[in-house]
Amino acid sequence: MLPKVTVPTDNIYKFYALFGLVLLIFSLSALIYTNQSRNDAIFKIIIEQETLNAVIQQNTTQQVTSAILARKLEIIKSDKWFYLISISILACIAGYLIYYGFTKWHNKIQPLQDELIELSIKKLKKELRVSLPNK
């Protein structure tokens, strides 16, 4: 079964560039997703914590739950930088792959392909002149 959309990976530089592009899209999506999920978790914890703090006479379970929620909030806030740095490194690698792949492809491969097309056109014109009788 043949794929309907072929991926233009006829040379390694295009592959680097396209892989970097996919990696960049993934890293930006991951950044948005982690930020949204972290915000949702923080809002949920704050609501629970404020509900527990509103109780005047807290029993032991409520005090422990409040302490656990406070610790969860600290962990979520401290993990923010780990995720941010990791995704930023991934995005930088993607940017480098995109730059390297497209630059090498444009400067090394494309001129050769252009020259090959130009030579084949000249050859076809020459063959056409030879095969056609002069009038």
N, C-alpha and C. Protein backbone atom coordinates (compact mmCIF):
# COMPACT_ATOMS: atom_id res chain seq x y z
N MET A 1 0.84 -1.17 0.00
CA MET A 1 0.00 0.00 0.00
C MET A 1 0.89 1.24 0.00
N LEU A 2 0.66 2.11 -0.94
CA LEU A 2 1.47 3.32 -1.07
C LEU A 2 0.85 4.46 -0.29
N PRO A 3 1.69 5.25 0.40
CA PRO A 3 1.13 6.40 1.13
C PRO A 3 0.65 7.47 0.16
N LYS A 4 -0.42 8.15 0.52
CA LYS A 4 -0.96 9.20 -0.35
C LYS A 4 -0.11 10.47 -0.30
N VAL A 5 0.47 10.75 0.86
CA VAL A 5 1.32 11.92 1.01
C VAL A 5 2.73 11.42 1.28
N THR A 6 3.64 11.72 0.37
CA THR A 6 5.01 11.28 0.56
C THR A 6 5.78 12.35 1.31
N VAL A 7 6.65 11.91 2.18
CA VAL A 7 7.48 12.83 2.94
C VAL A 7 8.74 13.10 2.14
N PRO A 8 9.07 14.38 1.88
CA PRO A 8 10.24 14.68 1.06
C PRO A 8 11.55 14.47 1.82
N THR A 9 11.95 13.23 1.96
CA THR A 9 13.20 12.91 2.66
C THR A 9 14.17 12.27 1.68
N ASP A 10 14.31 12.88 0.50
CA ASP A 10 15.22 12.34 -0.48
C ASP A 10 16.68 12.63 -0.14
N ASN A 11 16.92 13.51 0.81
CA ASN A 11 18.28 13.70 1.32
C ASN A 11 18.23 13.96 2.82
N ILE A 12 19.36 13.75 3.45
CA ILE A 12 19.42 13.79 4.91
C ILE A 12 19.16 15.19 5.46
N TYR A 13 19.52 16.22 4.71
CA TYR A 13 19.34 17.58 5.20
C TYR A 13 17.86 17.96 5.28
N LYS A 14 17.07 17.52 4.31
CA LYS A 14 15.63 17.76 4.39
C LYS A 14 15.03 17.01 5.58
N PHE A 15 15.55 15.81 5.81
CA PHE A 15 15.06 15.04 6.95
C PHE A 15 15.37 15.77 8.25
N TYR A 16 16.59 16.29 8.40
CA TYR A 16 16.95 17.06 9.60
C TYR A 16 16.00 18.24 9.78
N ALA A 17 15.77 18.97 8.70
CA ALA A 17 14.93 20.16 8.78
C ALA A 17 13.50 19.81 9.15
N LEU A 18 12.96 18.78 8.52
CA LEU A 18 11.57 18.40 8.81
C LEU A 18 11.44 17.80 10.20
N PHE A 19 12.43 17.01 10.63
CA PHE A 19 12.40 16.47 11.98
C PHE A 19 12.49 17.60 13.00
N GLY A 20 13.33 18.59 12.74
CA GLY A 20 13.41 19.75 13.62
C GLY A 20 12.10 20.51 13.68
N LEU A 21 11.42 20.62 12.56
CA LEU A 21 10.13 21.30 12.53
C LEU A 21 9.09 20.56 13.36
N VAL A 22 9.05 19.24 13.23
CA VAL A 22 8.13 18.43 14.04
C VAL A 22 8.48 18.56 15.52
N LEU A 23 9.77 18.53 15.82
CA LEU A 23 10.23 18.65 17.21
C LEU A 23 9.86 20.02 17.79
N LEU A 24 9.95 21.06 16.98
CA LEU A 24 9.59 22.40 17.44
C LEU A 24 8.09 22.50 17.72
N ILE A 25 7.29 21.95 16.84
CA ILE A 25 5.84 21.94 17.06
C ILE A 25 5.50 21.16 18.32
N PHE A 26 6.16 20.01 18.50
CA PHE A 26 5.93 19.21 19.70
C PHE A 26 6.32 19.97 20.96
N SER A 27 7.47 20.64 20.94
CA SER A 27 7.93 21.34 22.15
C SER A 27 7.02 22.52 22.48
N LEU A 28 6.54 23.23 21.47
CA LEU A 28 5.62 24.33 21.74
C LEU A 28 4.29 23.81 22.29
N SER A 29 3.83 22.69 21.73
CA SER A 29 2.60 22.08 22.25
C SER A 29 2.79 21.61 23.69
N ALA A 30 3.95 21.01 23.96
CA ALA A 30 4.24 20.54 25.32
C ALA A 30 4.31 21.71 26.30
N LEU A 31 4.86 22.82 25.86
CA LEU A 31 4.93 24.00 26.72
C LEU A 31 3.52 24.49 27.08
N ILE A 32 2.66 24.56 26.10
CA ILE A 32 1.29 25.01 26.35
C ILE A 32 0.56 24.01 27.25
N TYR A 33 0.72 22.72 26.96
CA TYR A 33 0.03 21.69 27.74
C TYR A 33 0.49 21.70 29.21
N THR A 34 1.81 21.73 29.44
CA THR A 34 2.30 21.70 30.82
C THR A 34 1.88 22.95 31.58
N ASN A 35 1.89 24.09 30.92
CA ASN A 35 1.46 25.33 31.57
C ASN A 35 -0.01 25.25 31.96
N GLN A 36 -0.84 24.76 31.05
CA GLN A 36 -2.28 24.66 31.32
C GLN A 36 -2.57 23.65 32.44
N SER A 37 -1.92 22.49 32.39
CA SER A 37 -2.18 21.48 33.42
C SER A 37 -1.66 21.93 34.79
N ARG A 38 -0.55 22.65 34.79
CA ARG A 38 -0.02 23.18 36.06
C ARG A 38 -0.98 24.22 36.63
N ASN A 39 -1.49 25.09 35.80
CA ASN A 39 -2.45 26.10 36.27
C ASN A 39 -3.72 25.45 36.80
N ASP A 40 -4.22 24.43 36.10
CA ASP A 40 -5.43 23.73 36.56
C ASP A 40 -5.19 23.08 37.92
N ALA A 41 -4.03 22.45 38.09
CA ALA A 41 -3.72 21.81 39.37
C ALA A 41 -3.60 22.84 40.49
N ILE A 42 -2.96 23.97 40.19
CA ILE A 42 -2.80 25.02 41.20
C ILE A 42 -4.17 25.57 41.62
N PHE A 43 -5.03 25.85 40.66
CA PHE A 43 -6.36 26.37 40.99
C PHE A 43 -7.15 25.37 41.83
N LYS A 44 -7.07 24.11 41.47
CA LYS A 44 -7.80 23.08 42.22
C LYS A 44 -7.28 22.99 43.67
N ILE A 45 -5.96 23.02 43.82
CA ILE A 45 -5.37 22.93 45.17
C ILE A 45 -5.74 24.16 46.00
N ILE A 46 -5.68 25.33 45.40
CA ILE A 46 -6.00 26.55 46.14
C ILE A 46 -7.45 26.55 46.60
N ILE A 47 -8.35 26.09 45.74
CA ILE A 47 -9.76 26.01 46.12
C ILE A 47 -9.95 25.06 47.30
N GLU A 48 -9.31 23.89 47.23
CA GLU A 48 -9.42 22.93 48.33
C GLU A 48 -8.81 23.48 49.61
N GLN A 49 -7.67 24.14 49.47
CA GLN A 49 -6.99 24.69 50.64
C GLN A 49 -7.81 25.81 51.29
N GLU A 50 -8.39 26.67 50.51
CA GLU A 50 -9.21 27.75 51.05
C GLU A 50 -10.48 27.21 51.70
N THR A 51 -11.01 26.14 51.12
CA THR A 51 -12.20 25.52 51.72
C THR A 51 -11.85 24.94 53.09
N LEU A 52 -10.69 24.30 53.19
CA LEU A 52 -10.25 23.75 54.48
C LEU A 52 -9.93 24.86 55.48
N ASN A 53 -9.32 25.94 55.01
CA ASN A 53 -8.96 27.04 55.91
C ASN A 53 -10.19 27.80 56.41
N ALA A 54 -11.30 27.69 55.69
CA ALA A 54 -12.53 28.37 56.10
C ALA A 54 -13.17 27.71 57.32
N VAL A 55 -12.82 26.46 57.54
CA VAL A 55 -13.35 25.75 58.70
C VAL A 55 -12.67 26.29 59.95
N ILE A 56 -13.47 26.67 60.96
CA ILE A 56 -12.91 27.28 62.17
C ILE A 56 -12.21 26.23 63.04
N GLN A 57 -12.89 25.16 63.33
CA GLN A 57 -12.30 24.10 64.16
C GLN A 57 -11.92 22.94 63.24
N GLN A 58 -10.64 22.87 62.87
CA GLN A 58 -10.18 21.79 61.99
C GLN A 58 -9.81 20.57 62.82
N ASN A 59 -10.22 19.41 62.33
CA ASN A 59 -9.77 18.19 63.00
C ASN A 59 -8.40 17.80 62.42
N THR A 60 -7.84 16.74 62.92
CA THR A 60 -6.49 16.32 62.52
C THR A 60 -6.43 15.99 61.04
N THR A 61 -7.41 15.33 60.51
CA THR A 61 -7.44 14.96 59.09
C THR A 61 -7.42 16.20 58.21
N GLN A 62 -8.18 17.20 58.59
CA GLN A 62 -8.23 18.43 57.81
C GLN A 62 -6.91 19.19 57.88
N GLN A 63 -6.25 19.16 59.04
CA GLN A 63 -4.95 19.82 59.19
C GLN A 63 -3.89 19.12 58.33
N VAL A 64 -3.91 17.79 58.35
CA VAL A 64 -2.95 17.02 57.54
C VAL A 64 -3.22 17.25 56.05
N THR A 65 -4.47 17.25 55.67
CA THR A 65 -4.83 17.49 54.28
C THR A 65 -4.39 18.88 53.84
N SER A 66 -4.54 19.86 54.69
CA SER A 66 -4.10 21.22 54.38
C SER A 66 -2.58 21.27 54.21
N ALA A 67 -1.85 20.57 55.06
CA ALA A 67 -0.39 20.53 54.95
C ALA A 67 0.04 19.83 53.66
N ILE A 68 -0.66 18.76 53.31
CA ILE A 68 -0.33 18.03 52.08
C ILE A 68 -0.60 18.90 50.85
N LEU A 69 -1.71 19.62 50.88
CA LEU A 69 -2.03 20.50 49.76
C LEU A 69 -1.00 21.62 49.62
N ALA A 70 -0.53 22.15 50.75
CA ALA A 70 0.50 23.19 50.71
C ALA A 70 1.79 22.63 50.11
N ARG A 71 2.13 21.42 50.47
CA ARG A 71 3.35 20.77 49.93
C ARG A 71 3.18 20.49 48.43
N LYS A 72 2.00 20.04 48.02
CA LYS A 72 1.73 19.82 46.60
C LYS A 72 1.92 21.11 45.80
N LEU A 73 1.44 22.21 46.36
CA LEU A 73 1.57 23.50 45.71
C LEU A 73 3.04 23.88 45.55
N GLU A 74 3.84 23.65 46.57
CA GLU A 74 5.28 23.92 46.48
C GLU A 74 5.95 23.07 45.41
N ILE A 75 5.59 21.79 45.34
CA ILE A 75 6.19 20.89 44.36
C ILE A 75 5.83 21.31 42.94
N ILE A 76 4.58 21.66 42.73
CA ILE A 76 4.15 22.10 41.40
C ILE A 76 4.90 23.36 40.99
N LYS A 77 5.07 24.29 41.92
CA LYS A 77 5.79 25.52 41.60
C LYS A 77 7.27 25.26 41.34
N SER A 78 7.88 24.32 42.07
CA SER A 78 9.30 24.03 41.85
C SER A 78 9.54 23.24 40.57
N ASP A 79 8.57 22.42 40.16
CA ASP A 79 8.70 21.65 38.92
C ASP A 79 8.58 22.53 37.68
N LYS A 80 8.03 23.71 37.84
CA LYS A 80 7.83 24.61 36.71
C LYS A 80 9.13 24.85 35.97
N TRP A 81 10.20 25.12 36.69
CA TRP A 81 11.48 25.44 36.05
C TRP A 81 12.09 24.23 35.36
N PHE A 82 11.92 23.05 35.93
CA PHE A 82 12.43 21.85 35.29
C PHE A 82 11.77 21.66 33.93
N TYR A 83 10.45 21.74 33.90
CA TYR A 83 9.72 21.57 32.64
C TYR A 83 10.07 22.69 31.65
N LEU A 84 10.15 23.89 32.12
CA LEU A 84 10.46 25.02 31.26
C LEU A 84 11.84 24.88 30.63
N ILE A 85 12.83 24.51 31.42
CA ILE A 85 14.19 24.35 30.91
C ILE A 85 14.28 23.17 29.96
N SER A 86 13.65 22.05 30.31
CA SER A 86 13.68 20.86 29.45
C SER A 86 13.04 21.14 28.09
N ILE A 87 11.89 21.76 28.10
CA ILE A 87 11.21 22.05 26.84
C ILE A 87 11.97 23.11 26.05
N SER A 88 12.59 24.06 26.72
CA SER A 88 13.38 25.08 26.03
C SER A 88 14.59 24.46 25.35
N ILE A 89 15.24 23.52 26.02
CA ILE A 89 16.38 22.82 25.41
C ILE A 89 15.92 22.05 24.17
N LEU A 90 14.78 21.40 24.27
CA LEU A 90 14.23 20.66 23.14
C LEU A 90 13.91 21.62 21.98
N ALA A 91 13.35 22.76 22.28
CA ALA A 91 13.04 23.75 21.24
C ALA A 91 14.31 24.30 20.60
N CYS A 92 15.36 24.49 21.39
CA CYS A 92 16.64 24.97 20.84
C CYS A 92 17.26 23.92 19.91
N ILE A 93 17.20 22.67 20.30
CA ILE A 93 17.70 21.59 19.44
C ILE A 93 16.90 21.57 18.14
N ALA A 94 15.59 21.73 18.25
CA ALA A 94 14.74 21.76 17.06
C ALA A 94 15.11 22.93 16.15
N GLY A 95 15.32 24.09 16.74
CA GLY A 95 15.70 25.26 15.95
C GLY A 95 17.03 25.06 15.24
N TYR A 96 17.98 24.44 15.93
CA TYR A 96 19.28 24.17 15.31
C TYR A 96 19.12 23.18 14.16
N LEU A 97 18.33 22.12 14.35
CA LEU A 97 18.11 21.15 13.28
C LEU A 97 17.45 21.79 12.07
N ILE A 98 16.48 22.66 12.32
CA ILE A 98 15.81 23.35 11.22
C ILE A 98 16.81 24.23 10.46
N TYR A 99 17.58 25.01 11.20
CA TYR A 99 18.57 25.90 10.57
C TYR A 99 19.62 25.10 9.79
N TYR A 100 20.18 24.09 10.44
CA TYR A 100 21.24 23.29 9.81
C TYR A 100 20.71 22.58 8.57
N GLY A 101 19.56 21.94 8.70
CA GLY A 101 19.01 21.17 7.60
C GLY A 101 18.66 22.03 6.40
N PHE A 102 17.94 23.11 6.62
CA PHE A 102 17.54 23.95 5.50
C PHE A 102 18.73 24.69 4.90
N THR A 103 19.69 25.11 5.72
CA THR A 103 20.86 25.80 5.20
C THR A 103 21.69 24.88 4.33
N LYS A 104 21.99 23.69 4.82
CA LYS A 104 22.78 22.74 4.03
C LYS A 104 22.04 22.32 2.76
N TRP A 105 20.74 22.10 2.88
CA TRP A 105 19.97 21.72 1.71
C TRP A 105 19.97 22.84 0.67
N HIS A 106 19.78 24.07 1.12
CA HIS A 106 19.72 25.20 0.20
C HIS A 106 21.08 25.49 -0.44
N ASN A 107 22.16 25.36 0.32
CA ASN A 107 23.48 25.72 -0.18
C ASN A 107 24.23 24.57 -0.85
N LYS A 108 23.90 23.34 -0.51
CA LYS A 108 24.67 22.21 -1.03
C LYS A 108 23.89 21.38 -2.05
N ILE A 109 22.67 21.02 -1.74
CA ILE A 109 21.90 20.11 -2.57
C ILE A 109 21.14 20.84 -3.67
N GLN A 110 20.47 21.91 -3.32
CA GLN A 110 19.61 22.60 -4.30
C GLN A 110 20.38 23.13 -5.50
N PRO A 111 21.57 23.73 -5.34
CA PRO A 111 22.30 24.18 -6.55
C PRO A 111 22.62 23.02 -7.49
N LEU A 112 22.95 21.86 -6.94
CA LEU A 112 23.23 20.70 -7.80
C LEU A 112 21.97 20.25 -8.53
N GLN A 113 20.84 20.26 -7.85
CA GLN A 113 19.59 19.88 -8.50
C GLN A 113 19.22 20.90 -9.59
N ASP A 114 19.43 22.17 -9.32
CA ASP A 114 19.15 23.20 -10.33
C ASP A 114 20.04 23.02 -11.55
N GLU A 115 21.32 22.73 -11.33
CA GLU A 115 22.25 22.51 -12.44
C GLU A 115 21.87 21.27 -13.23
N LEU A 116 21.46 20.22 -12.55
CA LEU A 116 21.04 18.99 -13.21
C LEU A 116 19.81 19.25 -14.10
N ILE A 117 18.85 20.01 -13.59
CA ILE A 117 17.66 20.35 -14.39
C ILE A 117 18.04 21.19 -15.59
N GLU A 118 18.94 22.15 -15.39
CA GLU A 118 19.37 23.01 -16.49
C GLU A 118 20.09 22.20 -17.57
N LEU A 119 20.96 21.29 -17.17
CA LEU A 119 21.67 20.46 -18.14
C LEU A 119 20.72 19.52 -18.88
N SER A 120 19.74 18.98 -18.17
CA SER A 120 18.79 18.09 -18.84
C SER A 120 17.93 18.87 -19.84
N ILE A 121 17.60 20.10 -19.54
CA ILE A 121 16.85 20.93 -20.49
C ILE A 121 17.69 21.20 -21.73
N LYS A 122 18.98 21.54 -21.53
CA LYS A 122 19.87 21.78 -22.67
C LYS A 122 20.01 20.52 -23.52
N LYS A 123 20.12 19.39 -22.87
CA LYS A 123 20.25 18.12 -23.59
C LYS A 123 18.99 17.83 -24.40
N LEU A 124 17.82 18.04 -23.80
CA LEU A 124 16.57 17.80 -24.51
C LEU A 124 16.41 18.75 -25.70
N LYS A 125 16.82 20.00 -25.54
CA LYS A 125 16.74 20.95 -26.64
C LYS A 125 17.67 20.54 -27.78
N LYS A 126 18.86 20.07 -27.42
CA LYS A 126 19.82 19.63 -28.42
C LYS A 126 19.29 18.40 -29.16
N GLU A 127 18.71 17.46 -28.43
CA GLU A 127 18.14 16.27 -29.06
C GLU A 127 16.96 16.64 -29.94
N LEU A 128 16.20 17.59 -29.53
CA LEU A 128 15.04 18.02 -30.31
C LEU A 128 15.49 18.68 -31.62
N ARG A 129 16.57 19.46 -31.59
CA ARG A 129 17.09 20.09 -32.79
C ARG A 129 17.63 19.05 -33.77
N VAL A 130 18.25 18.00 -33.27
CA VAL A 130 18.82 16.97 -34.12
C VAL A 130 17.72 16.13 -34.75
N SER A 131 16.68 15.85 -34.01
CA SER A 131 15.62 14.97 -34.52
C SER A 131 14.67 15.67 -35.48
N LEU A 132 14.53 17.00 -35.37
CA LEU A 132 13.64 17.73 -36.26
C LEU A 132 14.37 18.12 -37.55
N PRO A 133 13.75 17.90 -38.69
CA PRO A 133 14.37 18.31 -39.94
C PRO A 133 14.29 19.84 -40.11
N ASN A 134 15.31 20.38 -40.71
CA ASN A 134 15.31 21.84 -40.95
C ASN A 134 14.37 22.15 -42.11
N LYS A 135 13.68 23.26 -42.00
CA LYS A 135 12.75 23.66 -43.06
C LYS A 135 13.34 24.78 -43.83
